[in-house]
């Protein structure tokens, strides 16, 4: 029977299935040494899986705890609105303004949040602003060309 189970284990792909197979062997009365002899996974892995089953009653891997975010989605939206209102503001200035709204975050965090929202930091291109006289000259030229076409 051990050989049949081992053949099934060799074809399995996911870790969850491997863990379940090791537990099935253990529940069928096979010792840790018998399971190690199948050479499915290292000995330490087999004993750890069996130990976790006895302690927690489950073979699932515990979810790792994550560091909590400094800001909520609502606060991220506020930051985006602040940035869109003044596109030339630096991340340090945005961090100060965001801090006044109640979120204490660094300029680096501000940059990351804006990147998550799809706002990349780019300097606006310099534009040549036309004086009123030059603007009127362009309009006159375009009207002249348009009249010639008609």
C-alpha atoms as a PDB file:
ATOM      1  CA  UNK A   1       0.000   0.000   0.000  1.00  0.00           C
ATOM      2  CA  UNK A   2       2.891   2.338   0.761  1.00  0.00           C
ATOM      3  CA  UNK A   3       4.180   1.915  -2.796  1.00  0.00           C
ATOM      4  CA  UNK A   4       0.817   2.889  -4.313  1.00  0.00           C
ATOM      5  CA  UNK A   5       0.651   6.057  -2.225  1.00  0.00           C
ATOM      6  CA  UNK A   6       4.260   6.896  -3.065  1.00  0.00           C
ATOM      7  CA  UNK A   7       3.524   6.580  -6.788  1.00  0.00           C
ATOM      8  CA  UNK A   8       0.625   9.000  -6.386  1.00  0.00           C
ATOM      9  CA  UNK A   9       2.828  11.426  -4.443  1.00  0.00           C
ATOM     10  CA  UNK A  10       5.479  11.523  -7.125  1.00  0.00           C
ATOM     11  CA  UNK A  11       2.938  12.768  -9.649  1.00  0.00           C
ATOM     12  CA  UNK A  12       1.497  15.456  -7.364  1.00  0.00           C
ATOM     13  CA  UNK A  13       2.434  19.020  -8.006  1.00  0.00           C
ATOM     14  CA  UNK A  14       1.206  21.321  -5.241  1.00  0.00           C
ATOM     15  CA  UNK A  15       2.491  21.556  -1.703  1.00  0.00           C
ATOM     16  CA  UNK A  16      -1.021  21.345  -0.253  1.00  0.00           C
ATOM     17  CA  UNK A  17      -1.514  17.946  -1.883  1.00  0.00           C
ATOM     18  CA  UNK A  18       1.883  16.746  -0.664  1.00  0.00           C
ATOM     19  CA  UNK A  19       1.045  17.813   2.895  1.00  0.00           C
ATOM     20  CA  UNK A  20      -2.307  16.038   2.680  1.00  0.00           C
ATOM     21  CA  UNK A  21      -0.615  12.857   1.438  1.00  0.00           C
ATOM     22  CA  UNK A  22       1.925  12.935   4.280  1.00  0.00           C
ATOM     23  CA  UNK A  23      -0.897  13.336   6.810  1.00  0.00           C
ATOM     24  CA  UNK A  24      -2.844  10.498   5.153  1.00  0.00           C
ATOM     25  CA  UNK A  25       0.191   8.220   5.487  1.00  0.00           C
ATOM     26  CA  UNK A  26       0.608   9.265   9.121  1.00  0.00           C
ATOM     27  CA  UNK A  27      -3.064   8.608   9.904  1.00  0.00           C
ATOM     28  CA  UNK A  28      -2.833   5.187   8.226  1.00  0.00           C
ATOM     29  CA  UNK A  29      -0.269   4.189  10.830  1.00  0.00           C
ATOM     30  CA  UNK A  30       3.004   4.881   9.028  1.00  0.00           C
ATOM     31  CA  UNK A  31       5.759   6.273  11.211  1.00  0.00           C
ATOM     32  CA  UNK A  32       7.859   9.291  10.368  1.00  0.00           C
ATOM     33  CA  UNK A  33      10.721   6.987   9.331  1.00  0.00           C
ATOM     34  CA  UNK A  34       8.451   5.098   6.916  1.00  0.00           C
ATOM     35  CA  UNK A  35       7.332   8.350   5.316  1.00  0.00           C
ATOM     36  CA  UNK A  36      10.941   9.607   5.114  1.00  0.00           C
ATOM     37  CA  UNK A  37      11.872   6.393   3.278  1.00  0.00           C
ATOM     38  CA  UNK A  38       9.525   7.414   0.445  1.00  0.00           C
ATOM     39  CA  UNK A  39      11.827  10.410  -0.205  1.00  0.00           C
ATOM     40  CA  UNK A  40       8.937  12.720  -1.042  1.00  0.00           C
ATOM     41  CA  UNK A  41      10.275  15.652   0.923  1.00  0.00           C
ATOM     42  CA  UNK A  42      13.084  16.080   3.453  1.00  0.00           C
ATOM     43  CA  UNK A  43      12.774  14.507   6.903  1.00  0.00           C
ATOM     44  CA  UNK A  44      12.517  17.847   8.690  1.00  0.00           C
ATOM     45  CA  UNK A  45       9.580  18.856   6.485  1.00  0.00           C
ATOM     46  CA  UNK A  46       7.698  15.645   7.236  1.00  0.00           C
ATOM     47  CA  UNK A  47       8.153  15.992  10.998  1.00  0.00           C
ATOM     48  CA  UNK A  48       7.203  19.680  10.885  1.00  0.00           C
ATOM     49  CA  UNK A  49       3.976  18.892   8.987  1.00  0.00           C
ATOM     50  CA  UNK A  50       3.058  16.179  11.504  1.00  0.00           C
ATOM     51  CA  UNK A  51       3.880  18.492  14.435  1.00  0.00           C
ATOM     52  CA  UNK A  52       1.760  21.317  12.984  1.00  0.00           C
ATOM     53  CA  UNK A  53      -1.149  18.912  12.533  1.00  0.00           C
ATOM     54  CA  UNK A  54      -0.952  17.861  16.187  1.00  0.00           C
ATOM     55  CA  UNK A  55      -0.601  21.431  17.490  1.00  0.00           C
ATOM     56  CA  UNK A  56      -3.081  23.271  15.264  1.00  0.00           C
ATOM     57  CA  UNK A  57      -5.241  20.493  13.911  1.00  0.00           C
ATOM     58  CA  UNK A  58      -4.723  21.776  10.382  1.00  0.00           C
ATOM     59  CA  UNK A  59      -2.220  21.254   7.592  1.00  0.00           C
ATOM     60  CA  UNK A  60      -2.725  24.717   6.120  1.00  0.00           C
ATOM     61  CA  UNK A  61       0.153  27.154   6.312  1.00  0.00           C
ATOM     62  CA  UNK A  62      -0.473  30.107   8.613  1.00  0.00           C
ATOM     63  CA  UNK A  63      -0.802  33.442   6.881  1.00  0.00           C
ATOM     64  CA  UNK A  64       2.176  35.658   7.650  1.00  0.00           C
ATOM     65  CA  UNK A  65       1.343  38.834   9.508  1.00  0.00           C
ATOM     66  CA  UNK A  66       1.774  41.942   7.414  1.00  0.00           C
ATOM     67  CA  UNK A  67       2.794  45.381   8.463  1.00  0.00           C
ATOM     68  CA  UNK A  68      -0.328  47.570   8.584  1.00  0.00           C
ATOM     69  CA  UNK A  69      -0.662  50.346   6.008  1.00  0.00           C
ATOM     70  CA  UNK A  70      -0.221  53.928   7.124  1.00  0.00           C
ATOM     71  CA  UNK A  71      -3.240  55.046   5.111  1.00  0.00           C
ATOM     72  CA  UNK A  72      -6.645  53.753   4.099  1.00  0.00           C
ATOM     73  CA  UNK A  73      -8.064  53.745   0.572  1.00  0.00           C
ATOM     74  CA  UNK A  74     -10.062  56.869   1.409  1.00  0.00           C
ATOM     75  CA  UNK A  75      -6.908  58.666   2.571  1.00  0.00           C
ATOM     76  CA  UNK A  76      -5.084  57.509  -0.574  1.00  0.00           C
ATOM     77  CA  UNK A  77      -7.862  59.066  -2.639  1.00  0.00           C
ATOM     78  CA  UNK A  78      -7.444  62.308  -0.699  1.00  0.00           C
ATOM     79  CA  UNK A  79      -3.718  62.303  -1.496  1.00  0.00           C
ATOM     80  CA  UNK A  80      -4.476  61.792  -5.180  1.00  0.00           C
ATOM     81  CA  UNK A  81      -6.898  64.750  -5.154  1.00  0.00           C
ATOM     82  CA  UNK A  82      -4.318  66.921  -3.372  1.00  0.00           C
ATOM     83  CA  UNK A  83      -1.714  66.017  -5.987  1.00  0.00           C
ATOM     84  CA  UNK A  84      -4.036  66.593  -8.946  1.00  0.00           C
ATOM     85  CA  UNK A  85      -4.960  70.019  -7.581  1.00  0.00           C
ATOM     86  CA  UNK A  86      -1.299  71.096  -7.630  1.00  0.00           C
ATOM     87  CA  UNK A  87       0.683  68.943 -10.051  1.00  0.00           C
ATOM     88  CA  UNK A  88       3.923  70.807  -9.432  1.00  0.00           C
ATOM     89  CA  UNK A  89       3.986  70.003  -5.692  1.00  0.00           C
ATOM     90  CA  UNK A  90       6.891  67.895  -4.458  1.00  0.00           C
ATOM     91  CA  UNK A  91       6.366  64.704  -2.491  1.00  0.00           C
ATOM     92  CA  UNK A  92       7.662  66.432   0.663  1.00  0.00           C
ATOM     93  CA  UNK A  93       5.071  69.200   0.249  1.00  0.00           C
ATOM     94  CA  UNK A  94       2.367  66.615  -0.382  1.00  0.00           C
ATOM     95  CA  UNK A  95       3.448  64.717   2.742  1.00  0.00           C
ATOM     96  CA  UNK A  96       3.086  67.902   4.818  1.00  0.00           C
ATOM     97  CA  UNK A  97      -0.359  68.633   3.405  1.00  0.00           C
ATOM     98  CA  UNK A  98      -1.399  65.020   3.900  1.00  0.00           C
ATOM     99  CA  UNK A  99      -0.167  65.213   7.491  1.00  0.00           C
ATOM    100  CA  UNK A 100      -2.519  68.150   8.086  1.00  0.00           C
ATOM    101  CA  UNK A 101      -5.318  65.850   6.926  1.00  0.00           C
ATOM    102  CA  UNK A 102      -4.344  63.347   9.631  1.00  0.00           C
ATOM    103  CA  UNK A 103      -1.974  60.894   7.929  1.00  0.00           C
ATOM    104  CA  UNK A 104       1.614  60.849   9.170  1.00  0.00           C
ATOM    105  CA  UNK A 105       3.591  59.442   6.254  1.00  0.00           C
ATOM    106  CA  UNK A 106       6.988  60.124   4.756  1.00  0.00           C
ATOM    107  CA  UNK A 107       7.647  61.591   1.329  1.00  0.00           C
ATOM    108  CA  UNK A 108       8.710  58.126   0.172  1.00  0.00           C
ATOM    109  CA  UNK A 109       5.334  56.697   1.215  1.00  0.00           C
ATOM    110  CA  UNK A 110       3.621  59.520  -0.671  1.00  0.00           C
ATOM    111  CA  UNK A 111       5.563  58.607  -3.822  1.00  0.00           C
ATOM    112  CA  UNK A 112       4.627  54.925  -3.443  1.00  0.00           C
ATOM    113  CA  UNK A 113       0.930  55.714  -2.950  1.00  0.00           C
ATOM    114  CA  UNK A 114       0.901  57.954  -6.017  1.00  0.00           C
ATOM    115  CA  UNK A 115       2.630  55.236  -8.051  1.00  0.00           C
ATOM    116  CA  UNK A 116      -0.044  52.756  -6.911  1.00  0.00           C
ATOM    117  CA  UNK A 117      -2.674  55.189  -8.218  1.00  0.00           C
ATOM    118  CA  UNK A 118      -0.850  55.446 -11.554  1.00  0.00           C
ATOM    119  CA  UNK A 119       0.562  58.937 -11.046  1.00  0.00           C
ATOM    120  CA  UNK A 120       4.234  58.893 -11.979  1.00  0.00           C
ATOM    121  CA  UNK A 121       6.547  61.746 -11.110  1.00  0.00           C
ATOM    122  CA  UNK A 122       7.416  63.687 -14.214  1.00  0.00           C
ATOM    123  CA  UNK A 123       8.415  67.296 -14.630  1.00  0.00           C
ATOM    124  CA  UNK A 124       6.073  69.254 -16.874  1.00  0.00           C
ATOM    125  CA  UNK A 125       7.541  70.309 -20.200  1.00  0.00           C
ATOM    126  CA  UNK A 126       8.433  73.971 -20.670  1.00  0.00           C
ATOM    127  CA  UNK A 127       5.954  75.679 -22.912  1.00  0.00           C
ATOM    128  CA  UNK A 128       6.489  78.820 -24.903  1.00  0.00           C
ATOM    129  CA  UNK A 129       3.711  81.143 -23.849  1.00  0.00           C
ATOM    130  CA  UNK A 130       2.451  83.503 -26.526  1.00  0.00           C
ATOM    131  CA  UNK A 131       1.937  87.160 -25.877  1.00  0.00           C
ATOM    132  CA  UNK A 132      -1.418  88.669 -26.865  1.00  0.00           C
ATOM    133  CA  UNK A 133       0.178  90.308 -29.903  1.00  0.00           C
ATOM    134  CA  UNK A 134       1.723  87.032 -31.164  1.00  0.00           C
ATOM    135  CA  UNK A 135      -1.504  85.130 -30.443  1.00  0.00           C
ATOM    136  CA  UNK A 136      -3.533  87.647 -32.464  1.00  0.00           C
ATOM    137  CA  UNK A 137      -0.964  87.391 -35.274  1.00  0.00           C
ATOM    138  CA  UNK A 138      -1.448  83.610 -35.434  1.00  0.00           C
ATOM    139  CA  UNK A 139      -5.232  83.990 -35.515  1.00  0.00           C
ATOM    140  CA  UNK A 140      -4.960  86.532 -38.357  1.00  0.00           C
ATOM    141  CA  UNK A 141      -2.667  84.199 -40.300  1.00  0.00           C
ATOM    142  CA  UNK A 142      -4.991  81.211 -39.854  1.00  0.00           C
ATOM    143  CA  UNK A 143      -8.012  83.264 -40.937  1.00  0.00           C
ATOM    144  CA  UNK A 144      -6.114  84.477 -43.997  1.00  0.00           C
ATOM    145  CA  UNK A 145      -5.146  80.903 -44.955  1.00  0.00           C
ATOM    146  CA  UNK A 146      -8.694  79.697 -44.336  1.00  0.00           C
ATOM    147  CA  UNK A 147     -10.158  82.403 -46.600  1.00  0.00           C
ATOM    148  CA  UNK A 148      -7.729  81.428 -49.362  1.00  0.00           C
ATOM    149  CA  UNK A 149      -8.924  77.790 -49.237  1.00  0.00           C
ATOM    150  CA  UNK A 150     -12.590  78.737 -49.647  1.00  0.00           C
END
